[in-house]
Amino acid sequence: MKEEYTVSFRRWYDKDPVLSSAMRTLEESDDESQIKIALNLIKIIIEHNIESSEFEAIEDIISAVEAGVEENSKNNRWYDIDATLRTAMSMLQNCPEETQKIIAKEMAKMVVSKIKEEDVID
């Protein structure tokens, strides 16, 4: 009989290496960059959820987000400091894994783009 090994991850986003890397970079970004990326993430997640018909209306998305935020409100994670960032991360966390993978790539592009923009300014 073959033994199965499971890998446990400390954080929900460590399952996907692209998402994990993007989250790490986002965490190290300045507050303004984090907010801008969070707002873009919210937009992208809403678009994906509407396209995939997982939710029938924006109200369904909002209630799912509120439930996730309330559920995780006692946590002291780096993204819990700001409501916009917390909302974006809650929305992302509650997406199906396939959607997370798609959004992770978009997020990585946004983070890299923001870093390049900051390097040009400096």
Protein backbone atom coordinates (compact mmCIF):
# COMPACT_ATOMS: atom_id res chain seq x y z
CA MET A 1 0.00 0.00 0.00
CA LYS A 2 1.34 3.37 -1.00
CA GLU A 3 1.55 5.95 1.77
CA GLU A 4 0.15 9.35 0.98
CA TYR A 5 1.92 12.42 2.20
CA THR A 6 0.20 15.71 2.55
CA VAL A 7 1.90 19.03 2.54
CA SER A 8 0.57 21.50 5.05
CA PHE A 9 0.92 25.18 4.43
CA ARG A 10 1.16 27.86 7.07
CA ARG A 11 -0.83 30.38 5.08
CA TRP A 12 -3.71 29.86 2.66
CA TYR A 13 -1.85 31.47 -0.23
CA ASP A 14 1.30 29.34 0.06
CA LYS A 15 -0.36 26.52 -1.91
CA ASP A 16 0.35 28.40 -5.14
CA PRO A 17 3.99 29.50 -5.60
CA VAL A 18 3.02 32.41 -7.91
CA LEU A 19 0.42 33.67 -5.44
CA SER A 20 2.79 33.18 -2.51
CA SER A 21 5.51 35.18 -4.22
CA ALA A 22 3.11 37.97 -5.22
CA MET A 23 1.75 38.15 -1.66
CA ARG A 24 5.26 38.34 -0.20
CA THR A 25 6.16 41.19 -2.56
CA LEU A 26 2.87 42.95 -1.86
CA GLU A 27 3.48 42.66 1.89
CA GLU A 28 6.84 44.39 1.46
CA SER A 29 5.37 47.19 -0.69
CA ASP A 30 4.48 50.61 0.65
CA ASP A 31 0.94 51.28 1.91
CA GLU A 32 -0.15 53.29 -1.14
CA SER A 33 0.93 50.52 -3.53
CA GLN A 34 -0.85 47.91 -1.43
CA ILE A 35 -4.12 49.87 -1.57
CA LYS A 36 -3.90 50.43 -5.34
CA ILE A 37 -3.20 46.76 -5.98
CA ALA A 38 -5.98 45.72 -3.57
CA LEU A 39 -8.50 47.90 -5.43
CA ASN A 40 -7.42 46.38 -8.74
CA LEU A 41 -7.66 42.89 -7.25
CA ILE A 42 -11.21 43.54 -6.05
CA LYS A 43 -12.16 44.63 -9.57
CA ILE A 44 -10.53 41.58 -11.17
CA ILE A 45 -12.09 39.16 -8.68
CA ILE A 46 -15.55 40.63 -9.23
CA GLU A 47 -15.11 40.36 -13.00
CA HIS A 48 -13.98 36.71 -12.73
CA ASN A 49 -16.83 35.80 -10.40
CA ILE A 50 -19.40 37.38 -12.68
CA GLU A 51 -17.90 35.75 -15.80
CA SER A 52 -17.86 32.32 -14.18
CA SER A 53 -21.45 32.80 -12.93
CA GLU A 54 -20.43 31.83 -9.41
CA PHE A 55 -22.46 34.76 -8.16
CA GLU A 56 -25.60 36.11 -9.75
CA ALA A 57 -25.27 39.67 -8.46
CA ILE A 58 -22.79 42.04 -6.85
CA GLU A 59 -24.80 41.73 -3.62
CA ASP A 60 -23.92 38.01 -3.50
CA ILE A 61 -20.23 38.85 -3.79
CA ILE A 62 -20.48 41.51 -1.09
CA SER A 63 -22.26 39.19 1.35
CA ALA A 64 -19.67 36.44 0.72
CA VAL A 65 -16.88 38.94 1.39
CA GLU A 66 -18.52 40.26 4.56
CA ALA A 67 -18.90 36.71 5.85
CA GLY A 68 -15.21 36.02 5.18
CA VAL A 69 -14.10 39.28 6.81
CA GLU A 70 -16.19 38.64 9.93
CA GLU A 71 -14.91 35.07 10.14
CA ASN A 72 -11.29 36.23 9.99
CA SER A 73 -11.66 39.47 11.96
CA LYS A 74 -9.77 38.13 14.98
CA ASN A 75 -6.63 37.39 12.99
CA ASN A 76 -3.63 39.67 13.09
CA ARG A 77 -2.30 39.23 9.60
CA TRP A 78 -0.28 41.84 7.74
CA TYR A 79 -3.20 42.64 5.46
CA ASP A 80 -5.77 43.03 8.27
CA ILE A 81 -4.51 46.53 9.08
CA ASP A 82 -6.35 48.13 6.14
CA ALA A 83 -10.02 47.44 5.28
CA THR A 84 -9.46 47.58 1.51
CA LEU A 85 -6.53 45.20 1.64
CA ARG A 86 -8.37 42.88 4.04
CA THR A 87 -11.41 42.83 1.72
CA ALA A 88 -9.30 42.05 -1.36
CA MET A 89 -7.48 39.23 0.44
CA SER A 90 -10.74 37.81 1.82
CA MET A 91 -12.25 37.83 -1.67
CA LEU A 92 -9.17 36.14 -3.09
CA GLN A 93 -9.09 33.56 -0.32
CA ASN A 94 -12.74 32.65 -0.93
CA CYS A 95 -12.25 32.14 -4.68
CA PRO A 96 -12.02 28.58 -6.00
CA GLU A 97 -8.42 27.40 -6.45
CA GLU A 98 -8.64 27.60 -10.25
CA THR A 99 -9.77 31.22 -10.04
CA GLN A 100 -7.03 31.94 -7.50
CA LYS A 101 -4.43 30.64 -9.96
CA ILE A 102 -5.71 32.94 -12.71
CA ILE A 103 -5.89 35.92 -10.38
CA ALA A 104 -2.44 35.11 -8.92
CA LYS A 105 -0.91 35.65 -12.35
CA GLU A 106 -2.75 38.97 -12.73
CA MET A 107 -1.67 39.98 -9.24
CA ALA A 108 1.96 39.10 -9.95
CA LYS A 109 1.85 41.28 -13.08
CA MET A 110 0.40 44.19 -11.08
CA VAL A 111 3.01 43.86 -8.32
CA VAL A 112 5.90 43.67 -10.80
CA SER A 113 4.52 46.62 -12.75
CA LYS A 114 4.21 48.68 -9.55
CA ILE A 115 7.79 47.83 -8.54
CA LYS A 116 9.11 48.85 -11.97
CA GLU A 117 7.14 52.10 -11.72
CA GLU A 118 8.65 52.82 -8.29
CA ASP A 119 12.17 52.08 -9.58
CA VAL A 120 11.74 54.64 -12.39
CA ILE A 121 10.59 57.29 -9.89
CA ASP A 122 13.53 56.65 -7.53
